[in-house]
């Protein structure tokens, strides 16, 4: 089964200049140069995909670890945003993923 990236995975794969590499697009099956609307088409395919095979249940220990780590991650994200660091988006993506994991109990 082909696995399509999520919006967060697409965002996290951006280069420091905000683009995408030819190799990354090829992994997703996007031709080079990428046609207009490639992201929208990729996300449309991803929405049709059954993601249940990519979800892992979390136990209480996992959830406690996430709760303990979130304040530090939020601090790192704030500092990266303030300094204009290009990796701030990576912290933001991780925050979204972990907050969702706390809400759903799945990763």
N, C-alpha and C. Protein backbone atom coordinates (compact mmCIF):
# COMPACT_ATOMS: atom_id res chain seq x y z
N UNK A 1 0.84 -1.19 0.00
CA UNK A 1 0.00 0.00 0.00
C UNK A 1 0.88 1.25 0.00
N UNK A 2 0.59 2.17 -0.90
CA UNK A 2 1.36 3.41 -0.97
C UNK A 2 0.95 4.31 0.20
N UNK A 3 1.93 4.92 0.81
CA UNK A 3 1.68 5.80 1.95
C UNK A 3 1.88 7.24 1.53
N UNK A 4 0.85 8.06 1.71
CA UNK A 4 0.92 9.47 1.36
C UNK A 4 1.28 10.29 2.60
N UNK A 5 2.02 11.38 2.43
CA UNK A 5 2.40 12.20 3.58
C UNK A 5 1.23 13.05 4.07
N UNK A 6 1.29 13.37 5.35
CA UNK A 6 0.30 14.27 5.94
C UNK A 6 0.74 15.71 5.69
N UNK A 7 -0.13 16.65 6.00
CA UNK A 7 0.22 18.06 5.87
C UNK A 7 1.42 18.40 6.74
N UNK A 8 1.48 17.83 7.94
CA UNK A 8 2.62 18.09 8.84
C UNK A 8 3.92 17.52 8.27
N UNK A 9 3.84 16.34 7.67
CA UNK A 9 5.03 15.74 7.08
C UNK A 9 5.52 16.56 5.89
N UNK A 10 4.59 17.08 5.11
CA UNK A 10 4.97 17.93 3.98
C UNK A 10 5.64 19.19 4.51
N UNK A 11 5.06 19.81 5.52
CA UNK A 11 5.64 21.03 6.10
C UNK A 11 7.02 20.76 6.68
N UNK A 12 7.18 19.65 7.36
CA UNK A 12 8.46 19.33 8.00
C UNK A 12 9.55 19.01 6.98
N UNK A 13 9.18 18.63 5.76
CA UNK A 13 10.17 18.27 4.74
C UNK A 13 10.70 19.48 3.97
N UNK A 14 10.22 20.66 4.27
CA UNK A 14 10.71 21.87 3.57
C UNK A 14 12.20 22.08 3.83
N UNK A 15 12.86 22.62 2.83
CA UNK A 15 14.27 22.99 2.99
C UNK A 15 14.35 24.28 3.78
N UNK A 16 15.54 24.69 4.22
CA UNK A 16 15.66 25.96 4.95
C UNK A 16 15.13 27.17 4.17
N UNK A 17 15.16 27.09 2.84
CA UNK A 17 14.66 28.20 2.01
C UNK A 17 13.16 28.09 1.75
N UNK A 18 12.53 27.03 2.24
CA UNK A 18 11.09 26.89 2.11
C UNK A 18 10.62 26.03 0.96
N UNK A 19 11.53 25.50 0.17
CA UNK A 19 11.15 24.65 -0.95
C UNK A 19 11.23 23.18 -0.62
N UNK A 20 11.30 22.37 -1.66
CA UNK A 20 11.39 20.93 -1.52
C UNK A 20 12.45 20.41 -2.47
N UNK A 21 13.13 19.36 -2.08
CA UNK A 21 14.16 18.79 -2.95
C UNK A 21 13.51 17.85 -3.96
N UNK A 22 14.21 17.66 -5.04
CA UNK A 22 13.75 16.75 -6.08
C UNK A 22 13.59 15.34 -5.52
N UNK A 23 14.56 14.92 -4.68
CA UNK A 23 14.50 13.57 -4.10
C UNK A 23 13.28 13.40 -3.19
N UNK A 24 12.97 14.41 -2.38
CA UNK A 24 11.82 14.31 -1.49
C UNK A 24 10.53 14.20 -2.28
N UNK A 25 10.41 15.02 -3.31
CA UNK A 25 9.20 14.96 -4.13
C UNK A 25 9.08 13.60 -4.83
N UNK A 26 10.20 13.06 -5.27
CA UNK A 26 10.19 11.76 -5.93
C UNK A 26 9.70 10.66 -4.98
N UNK A 27 10.07 10.75 -3.70
CA UNK A 27 9.60 9.77 -2.71
C UNK A 27 8.08 9.78 -2.60
N UNK A 28 7.50 10.94 -2.83
CA UNK A 28 6.05 11.08 -2.75
C UNK A 28 5.38 10.83 -4.10
N UNK A 29 6.19 10.59 -5.14
CA UNK A 29 5.63 10.34 -6.46
C UNK A 29 5.29 11.60 -7.23
N UNK A 30 5.87 12.73 -6.83
CA UNK A 30 5.62 14.01 -7.51
C UNK A 30 6.72 14.22 -8.56
N UNK A 31 6.35 14.48 -9.82
CA UNK A 31 7.37 14.66 -10.86
C UNK A 31 8.14 15.97 -10.69
N UNK A 32 9.27 16.06 -11.34
CA UNK A 32 10.08 17.28 -11.32
C UNK A 32 10.06 17.89 -12.70
N UNK A 33 9.84 19.18 -12.83
CA UNK A 33 9.45 20.12 -11.78
C UNK A 33 8.02 19.84 -11.32
N UNK A 34 7.74 20.14 -10.08
CA UNK A 34 6.41 19.83 -9.56
C UNK A 34 5.33 20.65 -10.27
N UNK A 35 4.26 20.00 -10.68
CA UNK A 35 3.18 20.74 -11.35
C UNK A 35 2.38 21.59 -10.36
N UNK A 36 1.70 22.56 -10.88
CA UNK A 36 0.83 23.40 -10.06
C UNK A 36 -0.22 22.52 -9.38
N UNK A 37 -0.41 22.73 -8.10
CA UNK A 37 -1.43 22.00 -7.35
C UNK A 37 -0.99 20.64 -6.83
N UNK A 38 0.31 20.37 -6.86
CA UNK A 38 0.79 19.04 -6.44
C UNK A 38 0.50 18.78 -4.97
N UNK A 39 0.64 19.80 -4.12
CA UNK A 39 0.39 19.58 -2.68
C UNK A 39 -1.08 19.25 -2.43
N UNK A 40 -1.94 20.01 -3.07
CA UNK A 40 -3.38 19.78 -2.91
C UNK A 40 -3.76 18.36 -3.34
N UNK A 41 -3.21 17.92 -4.47
CA UNK A 41 -3.50 16.57 -4.97
C UNK A 41 -2.96 15.51 -4.01
N UNK A 42 -1.76 15.75 -3.47
CA UNK A 42 -1.15 14.80 -2.54
C UNK A 42 -1.97 14.69 -1.26
N UNK A 43 -2.42 15.82 -0.75
CA UNK A 43 -3.23 15.81 0.47
C UNK A 43 -4.60 15.19 0.24
N UNK A 44 -5.14 15.37 -0.96
CA UNK A 44 -6.42 14.74 -1.29
C UNK A 44 -6.28 13.22 -1.26
N UNK A 45 -5.17 12.72 -1.83
CA UNK A 45 -4.92 11.28 -1.78
C UNK A 45 -4.69 10.81 -0.35
N UNK A 46 -4.02 11.63 0.45
CA UNK A 46 -3.74 11.27 1.83
C UNK A 46 -5.03 11.17 2.65
N UNK A 47 -6.00 12.02 2.35
CA UNK A 47 -7.26 11.99 3.07
C UNK A 47 -8.03 10.69 2.83
N UNK A 48 -7.82 10.09 1.66
CA UNK A 48 -8.50 8.83 1.33
C UNK A 48 -7.83 7.64 2.00
N UNK A 49 -6.63 7.84 2.44
CA UNK A 49 -5.81 6.75 2.98
C UNK A 49 -6.26 6.32 4.37
N UNK A 50 -6.26 5.04 4.61
CA UNK A 50 -6.57 4.51 5.94
C UNK A 50 -5.33 4.62 6.79
N UNK A 51 -5.34 5.47 7.78
CA UNK A 51 -4.17 5.72 8.61
C UNK A 51 -4.14 4.82 9.86
N UNK A 52 -5.09 3.94 9.99
CA UNK A 52 -5.12 3.13 11.20
C UNK A 52 -3.87 2.26 11.35
N UNK A 53 -3.22 1.93 10.25
CA UNK A 53 -2.01 1.12 10.32
C UNK A 53 -0.80 1.93 10.77
N UNK A 54 -0.95 3.25 10.82
CA UNK A 54 0.16 4.11 11.20
C UNK A 54 -0.01 4.71 12.59
N UNK A 55 -0.97 4.23 13.34
CA UNK A 55 -1.27 4.78 14.66
C UNK A 55 -0.84 3.78 15.73
N UNK A 56 -0.16 4.29 16.73
CA UNK A 56 0.32 3.45 17.82
C UNK A 56 -0.34 3.88 19.12
N UNK A 57 -0.96 2.95 19.85
CA UNK A 57 -1.54 3.32 21.14
C UNK A 57 -0.44 3.66 22.14
N UNK A 58 -0.73 4.61 23.00
CA UNK A 58 0.24 5.04 24.01
C UNK A 58 -0.22 4.57 25.39
N UNK A 59 0.74 4.13 26.20
CA UNK A 59 0.40 3.74 27.57
C UNK A 59 0.59 4.95 28.49
N UNK A 60 0.28 4.78 29.78
CA UNK A 60 0.38 5.88 30.74
C UNK A 60 1.80 6.43 30.84
N UNK A 61 2.77 5.57 30.78
CA UNK A 61 4.16 6.02 30.87
C UNK A 61 4.53 6.90 29.68
N UNK A 62 4.08 6.53 28.48
CA UNK A 62 4.33 7.35 27.28
C UNK A 62 3.70 8.73 27.45
N UNK A 63 2.46 8.74 27.90
CA UNK A 63 1.74 10.01 28.06
C UNK A 63 2.40 10.90 29.11
N UNK A 64 2.88 10.30 30.21
CA UNK A 64 3.60 11.08 31.23
C UNK A 64 4.87 11.68 30.65
N UNK A 65 5.57 10.91 29.85
CA UNK A 65 6.79 11.41 29.21
C UNK A 65 6.52 12.58 28.28
N UNK A 66 5.43 12.49 27.54
CA UNK A 66 5.05 13.59 26.64
C UNK A 66 4.72 14.83 27.45
N UNK A 67 3.92 14.65 28.51
CA UNK A 67 3.56 15.80 29.36
C UNK A 67 4.79 16.47 29.97
N UNK A 68 5.76 15.67 30.35
CA UNK A 68 6.99 16.22 30.95
C UNK A 68 7.84 16.94 29.90
N UNK A 69 7.80 16.48 28.68
CA UNK A 69 8.64 17.04 27.61
C UNK A 69 8.05 18.30 26.97
N UNK A 70 6.73 18.42 26.96
CA UNK A 70 6.08 19.55 26.28
C UNK A 70 6.55 20.93 26.72
N UNK A 71 6.69 21.22 28.01
CA UNK A 71 7.15 22.56 28.39
C UNK A 71 8.52 22.91 27.81
N UNK A 72 9.43 21.95 27.81
CA UNK A 72 10.76 22.20 27.24
C UNK A 72 10.67 22.42 25.73
N UNK A 73 9.85 21.63 25.07
CA UNK A 73 9.68 21.78 23.63
C UNK A 73 9.05 23.12 23.28
N UNK A 74 8.08 23.56 24.08
CA UNK A 74 7.47 24.87 23.86
C UNK A 74 8.50 25.98 24.03
N UNK A 75 9.37 25.84 25.01
CA UNK A 75 10.44 26.81 25.23
C UNK A 75 11.41 26.84 24.03
N UNK A 76 11.78 25.68 23.55
CA UNK A 76 12.67 25.61 22.38
C UNK A 76 12.02 26.25 21.16
N UNK A 77 10.73 26.01 20.99
CA UNK A 77 10.00 26.59 19.86
C UNK A 77 9.95 28.11 19.97
N UNK A 78 9.63 28.63 21.15
CA UNK A 78 9.60 30.09 21.35
C UNK A 78 10.94 30.72 21.03
N UNK A 79 12.02 30.11 21.54
CA UNK A 79 13.36 30.65 21.29
C UNK A 79 13.72 30.61 19.80
N UNK A 80 13.34 29.54 19.13
CA UNK A 80 13.64 29.43 17.70
C UNK A 80 12.86 30.47 16.90
N UNK A 81 11.61 30.70 17.27
CA UNK A 81 10.80 31.70 16.58
C UNK A 81 11.39 33.10 16.81
N UNK A 82 11.75 33.39 18.05
CA UNK A 82 12.32 34.71 18.37
C UNK A 82 13.60 34.97 17.59
N UNK A 83 14.41 33.95 17.43
CA UNK A 83 15.70 34.13 16.75
C UNK A 83 15.57 34.00 15.23
N UNK A 84 14.38 33.64 14.75
CA UNK A 84 14.18 33.51 13.32
C UNK A 84 14.81 32.24 12.73
N UNK A 85 15.03 31.25 13.57
CA UNK A 85 15.68 30.02 13.13
C UNK A 85 14.77 29.26 12.16
N UNK A 86 15.38 28.72 11.13
CA UNK A 86 14.59 28.01 10.12
C UNK A 86 13.98 26.72 10.65
N UNK A 87 14.51 26.18 11.73
CA UNK A 87 14.00 24.92 12.26
C UNK A 87 12.81 25.11 13.20
N UNK A 88 12.36 26.32 13.38
CA UNK A 88 11.21 26.58 14.26
C UNK A 88 9.99 25.78 13.81
N UNK A 89 9.84 25.61 12.52
CA UNK A 89 8.71 24.84 12.00
C UNK A 89 8.74 23.38 12.42
N UNK A 90 9.95 22.85 12.59
CA UNK A 90 10.08 21.46 13.04
C UNK A 90 9.56 21.32 14.47
N UNK A 91 9.92 22.29 15.31
CA UNK A 91 9.41 22.26 16.69
C UNK A 91 7.90 22.38 16.69
N UNK A 92 7.38 23.27 15.83
CA UNK A 92 5.94 23.47 15.76
C UNK A 92 5.23 22.18 15.34
N UNK A 93 5.78 21.50 14.36
CA UNK A 93 5.19 20.24 13.91
C UNK A 93 5.20 19.20 15.03
N UNK A 94 6.32 19.13 15.74
CA UNK A 94 6.41 18.16 16.84
C UNK A 94 5.42 18.50 17.95
N UNK A 95 5.25 19.79 18.24
CA UNK A 95 4.28 20.19 19.25
C UNK A 95 2.87 19.76 18.85
N UNK A 96 2.52 19.97 17.59
CA UNK A 96 1.20 19.58 17.12
C UNK A 96 0.99 18.08 17.24
N UNK A 97 1.99 17.32 16.86
CA UNK A 97 1.89 15.86 16.91
C UNK A 97 1.73 15.39 18.35
N UNK A 98 2.55 15.93 19.27
CA UNK A 98 2.49 15.46 20.65
C UNK A 98 1.23 15.92 21.36
N UNK A 99 0.75 17.13 21.06
CA UNK A 99 -0.51 17.58 21.66
C UNK A 99 -1.66 16.70 21.20
N UNK A 100 -1.64 16.32 19.92
CA UNK A 100 -2.66 15.43 19.39
C UNK A 100 -2.57 14.06 20.06
N UNK A 101 -1.35 13.60 20.29
CA UNK A 101 -1.16 12.31 20.95
C UNK A 101 -1.76 12.33 22.36
N UNK A 102 -1.59 13.45 23.06
CA UNK A 102 -2.18 13.56 24.40
C UNK A 102 -3.71 13.54 24.35
N UNK A 103 -4.27 14.17 23.33
CA UNK A 103 -5.72 14.21 23.21
C UNK A 103 -6.31 12.85 22.87
N UNK A 104 -5.64 12.13 21.98
CA UNK A 104 -6.20 10.89 21.46
C UNK A 104 -5.68 9.63 22.15
N UNK A 105 -4.52 9.75 22.83
CA UNK A 105 -3.91 8.58 23.43
C UNK A 105 -3.23 7.69 22.40
N UNK A 106 -3.03 8.24 21.19
CA UNK A 106 -2.37 7.50 20.11
C UNK A 106 -1.33 8.38 19.46
N UNK A 107 -0.33 7.74 18.91
CA UNK A 107 0.75 8.48 18.23
C UNK A 107 0.82 8.05 16.81
